[in-house]
Amino acid sequence: MKPTISILFLSLIVFALACSREDAEENLNIDNPEIQLAIPLDFPSLNEAVHRNPPTLYGVELGKKLFHEKKLSGNNTISCASCHQQANAFADSHPQAIGIYGRVGLRNTPPLQNLAFIKHYNWDGNKRELEKQPLVPIITHEEMNSSILEAIGKISKDQAYQILFRQAFGDSEITPDRIYKSIAQYEYTLLSINSKYDKIKRNEGLQFSVIEARGYQLFKSKCASCHSGELFTDQSFRNIGFPLNPSTEEAGRGRVTGIPADYMSFRVPSLRNIAYTAPYGSFGQFKTLQAVLDYMAEDVLEADNLDPILKANGNRIPMTAQEKSDIIAFLHTLSDESFITPQ
């Protein structure tokens, strides 16, 4: 009888501990306050999705952990952070994204900054809400090559995730929607607002150098038609005559809309932190900012839907060598060192 009693006694202890743990989890008083985004003056209004999914203390913590989670990929080697590297303003240094098994993607990895203000995501604007973006890399053959159910199966075994999901959403259930929401919450907090340009605007004791000041004036006359506002993008889609991606899968915005007038039009990228995000263009056509300006100053690729500003100037933006140097000097004032430095 003694062995039976011992086994029964141990079983009761294990059961009691499990119940106690569950009771403690159920009765956990979770304080999960919203995080107030530091929105500078003159910035555009927030994307409507941010109001429906505001960043919270634990939602952001969970999202950051998922952002760096390699178990989201089919072979546990690739995370969001593998391509979106903080040192590169959450872009990378490759012409085109490199995913699982070294597979090369269609396009250049875009930086992740000030996403709470963006109206369309990705080069072709195929997503209007950030919460609908995370599934794309998870299931894409060239990126993570997995499925959301496979990813959930792997992370659900991690007790740390069970705790974080409870803290963020009230219970420990792991769902696709909660994964997408928490990653989006984290990305909404990636605000770049402390460049030299910003500090000068805030009268924090800095001034443009002579060459930077010249570059700023040139930028406003030659570049700000597209790269306007405090995001340094008007968020429009334009064909600016860059060299074409040889892939037959590429059509730019036309890939989304099916409209011929949108063929090879791409979302105007923000120029914030541009010094950190080379190479440039939808598939990394240009290695340097100098190469971009040299191309734009000469003769861009002709197209029926070429941007009217370029057509009106003979398919170019006239710039002297000195003007290019001045503009580049100004663009470097948009670099936010605090943004690329891990906290």
C-alpha atoms as a PDB file:
ATOM      1  CA  MET A   1       0.000   0.000   0.000  1.00  0.00           C
ATOM      2  CA  LYS A   2       2.835   2.418   0.734  1.00  0.00           C
ATOM      3  CA  PRO A   3       3.970   2.847  -2.900  1.00  0.00           C
ATOM      4  CA  THR A   4       0.383   3.524  -3.948  1.00  0.00           C
ATOM      5  CA  ILE A   5      -0.072   6.090  -1.183  1.00  0.00           C
ATOM      6  CA  SER A   6       3.213   7.786  -2.125  1.00  0.00           C
ATOM      7  CA  ILE A   7       2.240   8.043  -5.774  1.00  0.00           C
ATOM      8  CA  LEU A   8      -1.197   9.360  -4.861  1.00  0.00           C
ATOM      9  CA  PHE A   9       0.350  11.889  -2.470  1.00  0.00           C
ATOM     10  CA  LEU A  10       2.791  13.154  -5.101  1.00  0.00           C
ATOM     11  CA  SER A  11      -0.015  13.402  -7.650  1.00  0.00           C
ATOM     12  CA  LEU A  12      -2.059  15.499  -5.253  1.00  0.00           C
ATOM     13  CA  ILE A  13       0.897  17.818  -4.652  1.00  0.00           C
ATOM     14  CA  VAL A  14       1.493  18.291  -8.391  1.00  0.00           C
ATOM     15  CA  PHE A  15      -2.222  18.915  -8.946  1.00  0.00           C
ATOM     16  CA  ALA A  16      -2.348  21.411  -6.095  1.00  0.00           C
ATOM     17  CA  LEU A  17       0.683  23.289  -7.412  1.00  0.00           C
ATOM     18  CA  ALA A  18      -0.797  23.418 -10.912  1.00  0.00           C
ATOM     19  CA  CYS A  19      -4.095  24.707  -9.565  1.00  0.00           C
ATOM     20  CA  SER A  20      -2.324  27.268  -7.439  1.00  0.00           C
ATOM     21  CA  ARG A  21      -0.367  28.463 -10.458  1.00  0.00           C
ATOM     22  CA  GLU A  22      -3.527  28.692 -12.557  1.00  0.00           C
ATOM     23  CA  ASP A  23      -5.401  30.473  -9.759  1.00  0.00           C
ATOM     24  CA  ALA A  24      -2.548  32.925  -9.335  1.00  0.00           C
ATOM     25  CA  GLU A  25      -2.536  33.560 -13.076  1.00  0.00           C
ATOM     26  CA  GLU A  26      -6.304  34.026 -13.176  1.00  0.00           C
ATOM     27  CA  ASN A  27      -6.257  36.415 -10.232  1.00  0.00           C
ATOM     28  CA  LEU A  28      -3.261  38.376 -11.478  1.00  0.00           C
ATOM     29  CA  ASN A  29      -4.060  42.069 -11.312  1.00  0.00           C
ATOM     30  CA  ILE A  30      -2.608  43.279 -14.601  1.00  0.00           C
ATOM     31  CA  ASP A  31      -1.864  46.955 -15.068  1.00  0.00           C
ATOM     32  CA  ASN A  32      -1.228  47.427 -18.779  1.00  0.00           C
ATOM     33  CA  PRO A  33      -1.303  51.178 -19.433  1.00  0.00           C
ATOM     34  CA  GLU A  34      -1.256  52.761 -22.863  1.00  0.00           C
ATOM     35  CA  ILE A  35       2.045  54.246 -23.980  1.00  0.00           C
ATOM     36  CA  GLN A  36       1.742  57.875 -24.982  1.00  0.00           C
ATOM     37  CA  LEU A  37       3.570  58.480 -28.240  1.00  0.00           C
ATOM     38  CA  ALA A  38       5.753  61.586 -28.286  1.00  0.00           C
ATOM     39  CA  ILE A  39       4.315  63.270 -31.363  1.00  0.00           C
ATOM     40  CA  PRO A  40       6.215  66.408 -32.419  1.00  0.00           C
ATOM     41  CA  LEU A  41       4.498  69.511 -33.714  1.00  0.00           C
ATOM     42  CA  ASP A  42       3.945  69.620 -37.476  1.00  0.00           C
ATOM     43  CA  PHE A  43       3.842  65.830 -37.777  1.00  0.00           C
ATOM     44  CA  PRO A  44       0.788  64.457 -39.633  1.00  0.00           C
ATOM     45  CA  SER A  45      -2.129  62.840 -37.828  1.00  0.00           C
ATOM     46  CA  LEU A  46      -1.842  59.250 -36.668  1.00  0.00           C
ATOM     47  CA  ASN A  47      -2.979  56.393 -38.855  1.00  0.00           C
ATOM     48  CA  GLU A  48      -6.545  55.440 -37.865  1.00  0.00           C
ATOM     49  CA  ALA A  49      -5.392  51.904 -37.006  1.00  0.00           C
ATOM     50  CA  VAL A  50      -3.259  53.274 -34.170  1.00  0.00           C
ATOM     51  CA  HIS A  51      -6.401  54.491 -32.391  1.00  0.00           C
ATOM     52  CA  ARG A  52      -7.910  51.005 -32.665  1.00  0.00           C
ATOM     53  CA  ASN A  53      -4.724  49.306 -31.466  1.00  0.00           C
ATOM     54  CA  PRO A  54      -2.864  51.777 -29.241  1.00  0.00           C
ATOM     55  CA  PRO A  55       0.532  50.687 -27.911  1.00  0.00           C
ATOM     56  CA  THR A  56       0.435  49.378 -24.346  1.00  0.00           C
ATOM     57  CA  LEU A  57       3.186  48.531 -21.898  1.00  0.00           C
ATOM     58  CA  TYR A  58       2.961  44.765 -22.288  1.00  0.00           C
ATOM     59  CA  GLY A  59       1.666  44.804 -25.842  1.00  0.00           C
ATOM     60  CA  VAL A  60       4.865  46.566 -26.915  1.00  0.00           C
ATOM     61  CA  GLU A  61       7.044  44.245 -24.820  1.00  0.00           C
ATOM     62  CA  LEU A  62       5.372  41.228 -26.409  1.00  0.00           C
ATOM     63  CA  GLY A  63       5.623  42.748 -29.872  1.00  0.00           C
ATOM     64  CA  LYS A  64       9.327  43.437 -29.458  1.00  0.00           C
ATOM     65  CA  LYS A  65       9.946  39.849 -28.361  1.00  0.00           C
ATOM     66  CA  LEU A  66       7.988  38.537 -31.362  1.00  0.00           C
ATOM     67  CA  PHE A  67       9.819  40.957 -33.664  1.00  0.00           C
ATOM     68  CA  HIS A  68      13.089  39.257 -32.664  1.00  0.00           C
ATOM     69  CA  GLU A  69      11.614  35.727 -32.578  1.00  0.00           C
ATOM     70  CA  LYS A  70      13.263  33.334 -35.052  1.00  0.00           C
ATOM     71  CA  LYS A  71      10.682  30.634 -34.344  1.00  0.00           C
ATOM     72  CA  LEU A  72       8.340  32.553 -36.614  1.00  0.00           C
ATOM     73  CA  SER A  73      10.372  31.207 -39.536  1.00  0.00           C
ATOM     74  CA  GLY A  74      10.172  27.692 -40.911  1.00  0.00           C
ATOM     75  CA  ASN A  75      13.684  26.675 -39.823  1.00  0.00           C
ATOM     76  CA  ASN A  76      14.026  28.974 -36.775  1.00  0.00           C
ATOM     77  CA  THR A  77      16.747  31.137 -38.362  1.00  0.00           C
ATOM     78  CA  ILE A  78      14.956  34.315 -39.476  1.00  0.00           C
ATOM     79  CA  SER A  79      13.091  36.953 -37.481  1.00  0.00           C
ATOM     80  CA  CYS A  80      11.669  40.337 -38.437  1.00  0.00           C
ATOM     81  CA  ALA A  81      14.826  41.839 -36.933  1.00  0.00           C
ATOM     82  CA  SER A  82      17.023  39.792 -39.278  1.00  0.00           C
ATOM     83  CA  CYS A  83      16.107  42.145 -42.128  1.00  0.00           C
ATOM     84  CA  HIS A  84      14.940  45.148 -40.126  1.00  0.00           C
ATOM     85  CA  GLN A  85      18.166  45.906 -38.260  1.00  0.00           C
ATOM     86  CA  GLN A  86      18.190  48.825 -35.848  1.00  0.00           C
ATOM     87  CA  ALA A  87      21.689  49.943 -36.873  1.00  0.00           C
ATOM     88  CA  ASN A  88      20.288  50.549 -40.362  1.00  0.00           C
ATOM     89  CA  ALA A  89      17.154  52.374 -39.164  1.00  0.00           C
ATOM     90  CA  PHE A  90      15.448  48.969 -39.227  1.00  0.00           C
ATOM     91  CA  ALA A  91      16.420  48.327 -42.847  1.00  0.00           C
ATOM     92  CA  ASP A  92      19.474  46.326 -43.929  1.00  0.00           C
ATOM     93  CA  SER A  93      22.479  46.745 -46.201  1.00  0.00           C
ATOM     94  CA  HIS A  94      21.350  44.405 -48.996  1.00  0.00           C
ATOM     95  CA  PRO A  95      19.968  45.502 -52.377  1.00  0.00           C
ATOM     96  CA  GLN A  96      17.120  43.015 -51.880  1.00  0.00           C
ATOM     97  CA  ALA A  97      15.944  41.304 -48.710  1.00  0.00           C
ATOM     98  CA  ILE A  98      17.656  38.030 -47.803  1.00  0.00           C
ATOM     99  CA  GLY A  99      15.376  35.472 -46.183  1.00  0.00           C
ATOM    100  CA  ILE A 100      15.346  31.822 -45.179  1.00  0.00           C
ATOM    101  CA  TYR A 101      18.036  29.598 -46.773  1.00  0.00           C
ATOM    102  CA  GLY A 102      19.584  32.751 -48.294  1.00  0.00           C
ATOM    103  CA  ARG A 103      16.642  33.266 -50.642  1.00  0.00           C
ATOM    104  CA  VAL A 104      16.595  36.684 -52.292  1.00  0.00           C
ATOM    105  CA  GLY A 105      13.387  38.697 -52.158  1.00  0.00           C
ATOM    106  CA  LEU A 106      11.836  40.902 -54.817  1.00  0.00           C
ATOM    107  CA  ARG A 107      12.548  44.257 -53.183  1.00  0.00           C
ATOM    108  CA  ASN A 108      14.800  46.275 -50.944  1.00  0.00           C
ATOM    109  CA  THR A 109      13.997  46.099 -47.224  1.00  0.00           C
ATOM    110  CA  PRO A 110      12.281  49.364 -46.228  1.00  0.00           C
ATOM    111  CA  PRO A 111      13.223  51.062 -42.950  1.00  0.00           C
ATOM    112  CA  LEU A 112      10.730  51.002 -40.079  1.00  0.00           C
ATOM    113  CA  GLN A 113      10.325  54.491 -38.683  1.00  0.00           C
ATOM    114  CA  ASN A 114       7.377  56.718 -37.860  1.00  0.00           C
ATOM    115  CA  LEU A 115       5.010  54.008 -39.077  1.00  0.00           C
ATOM    116  CA  ALA A 116       2.220  55.338 -36.880  1.00  0.00           C
ATOM    117  CA  PHE A 117       1.775  58.161 -39.400  1.00  0.00           C
ATOM    118  CA  ILE A 118       1.976  56.172 -42.636  1.00  0.00           C
ATOM    119  CA  LYS A 119      -1.143  55.672 -44.789  1.00  0.00           C
ATOM    120  CA  HIS A 120       0.154  52.810 -46.950  1.00  0.00           C
ATOM    121  CA  TYR A 121       2.823  50.215 -46.168  1.00  0.00           C
ATOM    122  CA  ASN A 122       5.341  48.483 -48.431  1.00  0.00           C
ATOM    123  CA  TRP A 123       6.809  49.804 -51.651  1.00  0.00           C
ATOM    124  CA  ASP A 124       3.543  49.267 -53.508  1.00  0.00           C
ATOM    125  CA  GLY A 125       1.228  50.281 -50.651  1.00  0.00           C
ATOM    126  CA  ASN A 126      -0.588  46.951 -50.607  1.00  0.00           C
ATOM    127  CA  LYS A 127      -1.346  47.227 -46.871  1.00  0.00           C
ATOM    128  CA  ARG A 128      -3.308  50.045 -45.250  1.00  0.00           C
ATOM    129  CA  GLU A 129      -3.011  48.755 -41.690  1.00  0.00           C
ATOM    130  CA  LEU A 130       0.190  47.667 -40.002  1.00  0.00           C
ATOM    131  CA  GLU A 131      -1.683  44.858 -38.239  1.00  0.00           C
ATOM    132  CA  LYS A 132      -2.189  43.167 -41.610  1.00  0.00           C
ATOM    133  CA  GLN A 133       1.510  43.221 -42.492  1.00  0.00           C
ATOM    134  CA  PRO A 134       3.221  40.633 -40.186  1.00  0.00           C
ATOM    135  CA  LEU A 135       1.597  37.606 -41.839  1.00  0.00           C
ATOM    136  CA  VAL A 136       3.178  38.488 -45.198  1.00  0.00           C
ATOM    137  CA  PRO A 137       6.831  37.748 -44.281  1.00  0.00           C
ATOM    138  CA  ILE A 138       5.804  34.734 -42.188  1.00  0.00           C
ATOM    139  CA  ILE A 139       4.221  32.924 -45.151  1.00  0.00           C
ATOM    140  CA  THR A 140       6.347  34.283 -48.009  1.00  0.00           C
ATOM    141  CA  HIS A 141       8.625  31.680 -49.621  1.00  0.00           C
ATOM    142  CA  GLU A 142      11.585  34.077 -49.880  1.00  0.00           C
ATOM    143  CA  GLU A 143      11.229  35.383 -46.337  1.00  0.00           C
ATOM    144  CA  MET A 144      10.225  33.147 -43.397  1.00  0.00           C
ATOM    145  CA  ASN A 145       8.527  30.344 -45.363  1.00  0.00           C
ATOM    146  CA  SER A 146       6.295  29.236 -42.502  1.00  0.00           C
ATOM    147  CA  SER A 147       2.647  29.499 -41.464  1.00  0.00           C
ATOM    148  CA  ILE A 148       1.037  31.336 -38.597  1.00  0.00           C
ATOM    149  CA  LEU A 149      -0.265  28.090 -37.112  1.00  0.00           C
ATOM    150  CA  GLU A 150       3.210  26.541 -37.216  1.00  0.00           C
ATOM    151  CA  ALA A 151       4.634  29.640 -35.539  1.00  0.00           C
ATOM    152  CA  ILE A 152       1.968  29.571 -32.819  1.00  0.00           C
ATOM    153  CA  GLY A 153       2.658  25.891 -32.200  1.00  0.00           C
ATOM    154  CA  LYS A 154       6.299  26.669 -31.507  1.00  0.00           C
ATOM    155  CA  ILE A 155       5.982  29.751 -29.320  1.00  0.00           C
ATOM    156  CA  SER A 156       3.043  28.365 -27.313  1.00  0.00           C
ATOM    157  CA  LYS A 157       5.492  25.992 -25.607  1.00  0.00           C
ATOM    158  CA  ASP A 158       7.367  28.965 -24.150  1.00  0.00           C
ATOM    159  CA  GLN A 159       5.986  29.965 -20.734  1.00  0.00           C
ATOM    160  CA  ALA A 160       7.377  33.475 -21.160  1.00  0.00           C
ATOM    161  CA  TYR A 161       4.987  33.973 -24.072  1.00  0.00           C
ATOM    162  CA  GLN A 162       2.052  32.638 -22.070  1.00  0.00           C
ATOM    163  CA  ILE A 163       2.754  35.233 -19.380  1.00  0.00           C
ATOM    164  CA  LEU A 164       3.224  38.084 -21.862  1.00  0.00           C
ATOM    165  CA  PHE A 165       0.034  37.301 -23.773  1.00  0.00           C
ATOM    166  CA  ARG A 166      -1.872  37.316 -20.477  1.00  0.00           C
ATOM    167  CA  GLN A 167      -0.315  40.617 -19.470  1.00  0.00           C
ATOM    168  CA  ALA A 168      -1.011  42.166 -22.865  1.00  0.00           C
ATOM    169  CA  PHE A 169      -4.474  40.771 -23.602  1.00  0.00           C
ATOM    170  CA  GLY A 170      -5.944  39.498 -20.310  1.00  0.00           C
ATOM    171  CA  ASP A 171      -5.472  35.764 -20.854  1.00  0.00           C
ATOM    172  CA  SER A 172      -2.733  33.508 -22.192  1.00  0.00           C
ATOM    173  CA  GLU A 173      -4.440  32.458 -25.432  1.00  0.00           C
ATOM    174  CA  ILE A 174      -2.075  32.891 -28.387  1.00  0.00           C
ATOM    175  CA  THR A 175      -3.928  33.863 -31.566  1.00  0.00           C
ATOM    176  CA  PRO A 176      -2.868  35.202 -34.960  1.00  0.00           C
ATOM    177  CA  ASP A 177      -4.703  38.475 -34.341  1.00  0.00           C
ATOM    178  CA  ARG A 178      -2.903  39.049 -31.048  1.00  0.00           C
ATOM    179  CA  ILE A 179       0.465  38.346 -32.665  1.00  0.00           C
ATOM    180  CA  TYR A 180      -0.224  40.876 -35.412  1.00  0.00           C
ATOM    181  CA  LYS A 181      -1.530  43.498 -32.992  1.00  0.00           C
ATOM    182  CA  SER A 182       1.411  43.258 -30.609  1.00  0.00           C
ATOM    183  CA  ILE A 183       4.028  43.450 -33.385  1.00  0.00           C
ATOM    184  CA  ALA A 184       2.220  46.499 -34.765  1.00  0.00           C
ATOM    185  CA  GLN A 185       2.131  48.091 -31.303  1.00  0.00           C
ATOM    186  CA  TYR A 186       5.896  47.711 -31.015  1.00  0.00           C
ATOM    187  CA  GLU A 187       6.447  49.144 -34.484  1.00  0.00           C
ATOM    188  CA  TYR A 188       4.203  52.126 -33.712  1.00  0.00           C
ATOM    189  CA  THR A 189       6.697  53.129 -31.013  1.00  0.00           C
ATOM    190  CA  LEU A 190       9.613  53.319 -33.473  1.00  0.00           C
ATOM    191  CA  LEU A 191       9.639  57.097 -33.693  1.00  0.00           C
ATOM    192  CA  SER A 192      12.593  58.931 -35.188  1.00  0.00           C
ATOM    193  CA  ILE A 193      12.311  62.525 -34.019  1.00  0.00           C
ATOM    194  CA  ASN A 194      15.766  63.493 -32.699  1.00  0.00           C
ATOM    195  CA  SER A 195      17.940  64.252 -35.701  1.00  0.00           C
ATOM    196  CA  LYS A 196      20.029  67.393 -35.983  1.00  0.00           C
ATOM    197  CA  TYR A 197      17.280  68.805 -38.186  1.00  0.00           C
ATOM    198  CA  ASP A 198      14.701  68.190 -35.425  1.00  0.00           C
ATOM    199  CA  LYS A 199      16.888  69.753 -32.749  1.00  0.00           C
ATOM    200  CA  ILE A 200      17.430  72.842 -34.872  1.00  0.00           C
ATOM    201  CA  LYS A 201      13.685  73.156 -35.392  1.00  0.00           C
ATOM    202  CA  ARG A 202      13.176  72.870 -31.636  1.00  0.00           C
ATOM    203  CA  ASN A 203      15.781  75.603 -30.997  1.00  0.00           C
ATOM    204  CA  GLU A 204      17.988  73.292 -28.940  1.00  0.00           C
ATOM    205  CA  GLY A 205      21.160  75.292 -29.544  1.00  0.00           C
ATOM    206  CA  LEU A 206      22.272  73.710 -32.831  1.00  0.00           C
ATOM    207  CA  GLN A 207      22.679  75.372 -36.214  1.00  0.00           C
ATOM    208  CA  PHE A 208      23.139  74.174 -39.759  1.00  0.00           C
ATOM    209  CA  SER A 209      26.624  74.503 -41.156  1.00  0.00           C
ATOM    210  CA  VAL A 210      26.994  76.715 -44.216  1.00  0.00           C
ATOM    211  CA  ILE A 211      26.893  73.760 -46.586  1.00  0.00           C
ATOM    212  CA  GLU A 212      23.930  72.178 -44.745  1.00  0.00           C
ATOM    213  CA  ALA A 213      22.007  75.461 -44.894  1.00  0.00           C
ATOM    214  CA  ARG A 214      22.651  75.725 -48.633  1.00  0.00           C
ATOM    215  CA  GLY A 215      21.594  72.125 -49.019  1.00  0.00           C
ATOM    216  CA  TYR A 216      18.352  72.757 -47.138  1.00  0.00           C
ATOM    217  CA  GLN A 217      17.393  75.577 -49.478  1.00  0.00           C
ATOM    218  CA  LEU A 218      18.264  73.459 -52.519  1.00  0.00           C
ATOM    219  CA  PHE A 219      16.326  70.535 -51.080  1.00  0.00           C
ATOM    220  CA  LYS A 220      13.214  72.684 -50.710  1.00  0.00           C
ATOM    221  CA  SER A 221      13.411  73.794 -54.343  1.00  0.00           C
ATOM    222  CA  LYS A 222      14.450  70.517 -55.962  1.00  0.00           C
ATOM    223  CA  CYS A 223      13.235  67.647 -53.750  1.00  0.00           C
ATOM    224  CA  ALA A 224      10.437  68.766 -51.445  1.00  0.00           C
ATOM    225  CA  SER A 225       7.691  68.403 -54.051  1.00  0.00           C
ATOM    226  CA  CYS A 226       7.750  64.677 -53.275  1.00  0.00           C
ATOM    227  CA  HIS A 227       9.723  64.498 -50.024  1.00  0.00           C
ATOM    228  CA  SER A 228       7.557  66.988 -48.172  1.00  0.00           C
ATOM    229  CA  GLY A 229       6.474  67.546 -44.586  1.00  0.00           C
ATOM    230  CA  GLU A 230       8.095  66.327 -41.394  1.00  0.00           C
ATOM    231  CA  LEU A 231       8.114  62.731 -42.600  1.00  0.00           C
ATOM    232  CA  PHE A 232       9.983  63.858 -45.735  1.00  0.00           C
ATOM    233  CA  THR A 233       7.498  62.045 -47.932  1.00  0.00           C
ATOM    234  CA  ASP A 234       4.139  63.083 -49.313  1.00  0.00           C
ATOM    235  CA  GLN A 235       3.196  59.368 -49.220  1.00  0.00           C
ATOM    236  CA  SER A 236       2.231  59.420 -52.888  1.00  0.00           C
ATOM    237  CA  PHE A 237       3.078  56.800 -55.526  1.00  0.00           C
ATOM    238  CA  ARG A 238       5.254  57.975 -58.394  1.00  0.00           C
ATOM    239  CA  ASN A 239       7.243  56.656 -61.299  1.00  0.00           C
ATOM    240  CA  ILE A 240      10.499  58.598 -61.177  1.00  0.00           C
ATOM    241  CA  GLY A 241      12.268  56.714 -63.936  1.00  0.00           C
ATOM    242  CA  PHE A 242      14.587  54.529 -61.875  1.00  0.00           C
ATOM    243  CA  PRO A 243      16.131  51.473 -63.605  1.00  0.00           C
ATOM    244  CA  LEU A 244      13.579  48.666 -63.813  1.00  0.00           C
ATOM    245  CA  ASN A 245      13.607  45.513 -61.738  1.00  0.00           C
ATOM    246  CA  PRO A 246      14.189  42.659 -64.234  1.00  0.00           C
ATOM    247  CA  SER A 247      11.760  40.382 -62.368  1.00  0.00           C
ATOM    248  CA  THR A 248       8.515  39.753 -64.238  1.00  0.00           C
ATOM    249  CA  GLU A 249       6.758  39.812 -60.864  1.00  0.00           C
ATOM    250  CA  GLU A 250       7.408  43.526 -60.449  1.00  0.00           C
ATOM    251  CA  ALA A 251       4.922  46.180 -61.513  1.00  0.00           C
ATOM    252  CA  GLY A 252       5.106  48.617 -58.604  1.00  0.00           C
ATOM    253  CA  ARG A 253       1.786  50.077 -57.497  1.00  0.00           C
ATOM    254  CA  GLY A 254       0.250  48.549 -60.620  1.00  0.00           C
ATOM    255  CA  ARG A 255       0.798  45.141 -59.032  1.00  0.00           C
ATOM    256  CA  VAL A 256      -1.840  46.147 -56.470  1.00  0.00           C
ATOM    257  CA  THR A 257      -4.275  48.237 -58.473  1.00  0.00           C
ATOM    258  CA  GLY A 258      -4.021  46.645 -61.923  1.00  0.00           C
ATOM    259  CA  ILE A 259      -4.110  50.145 -63.398  1.00  0.00           C
ATOM    260  CA  PRO A 260      -1.595  50.773 -66.230  1.00  0.00           C
ATOM    261  CA  ALA A 261      -1.006  54.328 -65.020  1.00  0.00           C
ATOM    262  CA  ASP A 262       0.385  52.858 -61.766  1.00  0.00           C
ATOM    263  CA  TYR A 263       2.959  50.657 -63.507  1.00  0.00           C
ATOM    264  CA  MET A 264       6.362  50.949 -61.795  1.00  0.00           C
ATOM    265  CA  SER A 265       5.110  53.668 -59.467  1.00  0.00           C
ATOM    266  CA  PHE A 266       6.370  53.251 -55.915  1.00  0.00           C
ATOM    267  CA  ARG A 267       5.603  54.895 -52.598  1.00  0.00           C
ATOM    268  CA  VAL A 268       7.800  57.922 -52.067  1.00  0.00           C
ATOM    269  CA  PRO A 269      10.118  56.848 -49.224  1.00  0.00           C
ATOM    270  CA  SER A 270      10.857  58.979 -46.206  1.00  0.00           C
ATOM    271  CA  LEU A 271      14.311  60.516 -46.268  1.00  0.00           C
ATOM    272  CA  ARG A 272      14.743  60.411 -42.512  1.00  0.00           C
ATOM    273  CA  ASN A 273      17.831  58.380 -41.596  1.00  0.00           C
ATOM    274  CA  ILE A 274      18.623  58.069 -45.286  1.00  0.00           C
ATOM    275  CA  ALA A 275      22.360  57.951 -44.494  1.00  0.00           C
ATOM    276  CA  TYR A 276      21.821  54.604 -42.716  1.00  0.00           C
ATOM    277  CA  THR A 277      19.649  52.830 -45.280  1.00  0.00           C
ATOM    278  CA  ALA A 278      21.802  52.278 -48.393  1.00  0.00           C
ATOM    279  CA  PRO A 279      21.462  50.861 -50.980  1.00  0.00           C
ATOM    280  CA  TYR A 280      18.590  52.895 -52.421  1.00  0.00           C
ATOM    281  CA  GLY A 281      15.651  52.214 -54.700  1.00  0.00           C
ATOM    282  CA  SER A 282      12.950  49.550 -54.755  1.00  0.00           C
ATOM    283  CA  PHE A 283      15.522  46.826 -55.402  1.00  0.00           C
ATOM    284  CA  GLY A 284      18.679  48.606 -54.315  1.00  0.00           C
ATOM    285  CA  GLN A 285      19.580  50.076 -57.684  1.00  0.00           C
ATOM    286  CA  PHE A 286      21.951  52.680 -56.208  1.00  0.00           C
ATOM    287  CA  LYS A 287      24.746  52.091 -53.721  1.00  0.00           C
ATOM    288  CA  THR A 288      25.108  55.695 -52.566  1.00  0.00           C
ATOM    289  CA  LEU A 289      23.194  58.965 -52.295  1.00  0.00           C
ATOM    290  CA  GLN A 290      25.694  60.434 -54.747  1.00  0.00           C
ATOM    291  CA  ALA A 291      24.717  57.767 -57.280  1.00  0.00           C
ATOM    292  CA  VAL A 292      21.023  58.606 -56.835  1.00  0.00           C
ATOM    293  CA  LEU A 293      21.545  62.317 -57.414  1.00  0.00           C
ATOM    294  CA  ASP A 294      23.907  61.716 -60.344  1.00  0.00           C
ATOM    295  CA  TYR A 295      21.219  59.606 -62.002  1.00  0.00           C
ATOM    296  CA  MET A 296      18.429  62.091 -61.304  1.00  0.00           C
ATOM    297  CA  ALA A 297      20.527  64.968 -62.663  1.00  0.00           C
ATOM    298  CA  GLU A 298      21.263  63.267 -65.964  1.00  0.00           C
ATOM    299  CA  ASP A 299      18.426  61.489 -67.766  1.00  0.00           C
ATOM    300  CA  VAL A 300      15.987  59.156 -66.017  1.00  0.00           C
ATOM    301  CA  LEU A 301      14.183  56.319 -67.766  1.00  0.00           C
ATOM    302  CA  GLU A 302      11.373  57.472 -70.031  1.00  0.00           C
ATOM    303  CA  ALA A 303       7.854  56.188 -69.318  1.00  0.00           C
ATOM    304  CA  ASP A 304       4.317  57.182 -70.271  1.00  0.00           C
ATOM    305  CA  ASN A 305       3.521  57.675 -66.587  1.00  0.00           C
ATOM    306  CA  LEU A 306       6.803  59.333 -65.649  1.00  0.00           C
ATOM    307  CA  ASP A 307       6.224  61.910 -62.926  1.00  0.00           C
ATOM    308  CA  PRO A 308       5.134  65.252 -64.446  1.00  0.00           C
ATOM    309  CA  ILE A 309       7.802  67.134 -62.480  1.00  0.00           C
ATOM    310  CA  LEU A 310      10.503  65.164 -64.281  1.00  0.00           C
ATOM    311  CA  LYS A 311       8.807  65.446 -67.668  1.00  0.00           C
ATOM    312  CA  ALA A 312       8.621  69.205 -67.263  1.00  0.00           C
ATOM    313  CA  ASN A 313      12.409  69.305 -66.703  1.00  0.00           C
ATOM    314  CA  GLY A 314      13.452  67.107 -69.603  1.00  0.00           C
ATOM    315  CA  ASN A 315      13.378  63.846 -67.594  1.00  0.00           C
ATOM    316  CA  ARG A 316      15.819  65.152 -65.024  1.00  0.00           C
ATOM    317  CA  ILE A 317      16.320  67.355 -61.972  1.00  0.00           C
ATOM    318  CA  PRO A 318      19.141  69.733 -62.938  1.00  0.00           C
ATOM    319  CA  MET A 319      21.884  69.846 -60.280  1.00  0.00           C
ATOM    320  CA  THR A 320      25.511  70.918 -60.334  1.00  0.00           C
ATOM    321  CA  ALA A 321      28.198  68.895 -58.550  1.00  0.00           C
ATOM    322  CA  GLN A 322      28.272  71.455 -55.735  1.00  0.00           C
ATOM    323  CA  GLU A 323      24.491  71.419 -55.394  1.00  0.00           C
ATOM    324  CA  LYS A 324      24.530  67.632 -55.031  1.00  0.00           C
ATOM    325  CA  SER A 325      27.155  67.866 -52.280  1.00  0.00           C
ATOM    326  CA  ASP A 326      25.114  70.505 -50.499  1.00  0.00           C
ATOM    327  CA  ILE A 327      21.912  68.454 -50.665  1.00  0.00           C
ATOM    328  CA  ILE A 328      23.678  65.359 -49.367  1.00  0.00           C
ATOM    329  CA  ALA A 329      25.080  67.389 -46.476  1.00  0.00           C
ATOM    330  CA  PHE A 330      21.543  68.443 -45.561  1.00  0.00           C
ATOM    331  CA  LEU A 331      20.236  64.879 -45.863  1.00  0.00           C
ATOM    332  CA  HIS A 332      22.771  63.810 -43.258  1.00  0.00           C
ATOM    333  CA  THR A 333      21.127  66.195 -40.790  1.00  0.00           C
ATOM    334  CA  LEU A 334      18.106  63.870 -40.918  1.00  0.00           C
ATOM    335  CA  SER A 335      20.149  61.134 -39.208  1.00  0.00           C
ATOM    336  CA  ASP A 336      18.893  60.257 -35.729  1.00  0.00           C
ATOM    337  CA  GLU A 337      21.700  58.534 -33.813  1.00  0.00           C
ATOM    338  CA  SER A 338      19.451  57.803 -30.836  1.00  0.00           C
ATOM    339  CA  PHE A 339      17.064  55.908 -33.133  1.00  0.00           C
ATOM    340  CA  ILE A 340      19.689  53.436 -34.318  1.00  0.00           C
ATOM    341  CA  THR A 341      21.137  52.873 -30.839  1.00  0.00           C
ATOM    342  CA  PRO A 342      19.630  50.001 -28.802  1.00  0.00           C
ATOM    343  CA  GLN A 343      18.163  51.148 -25.496  1.00  0.00           C
END
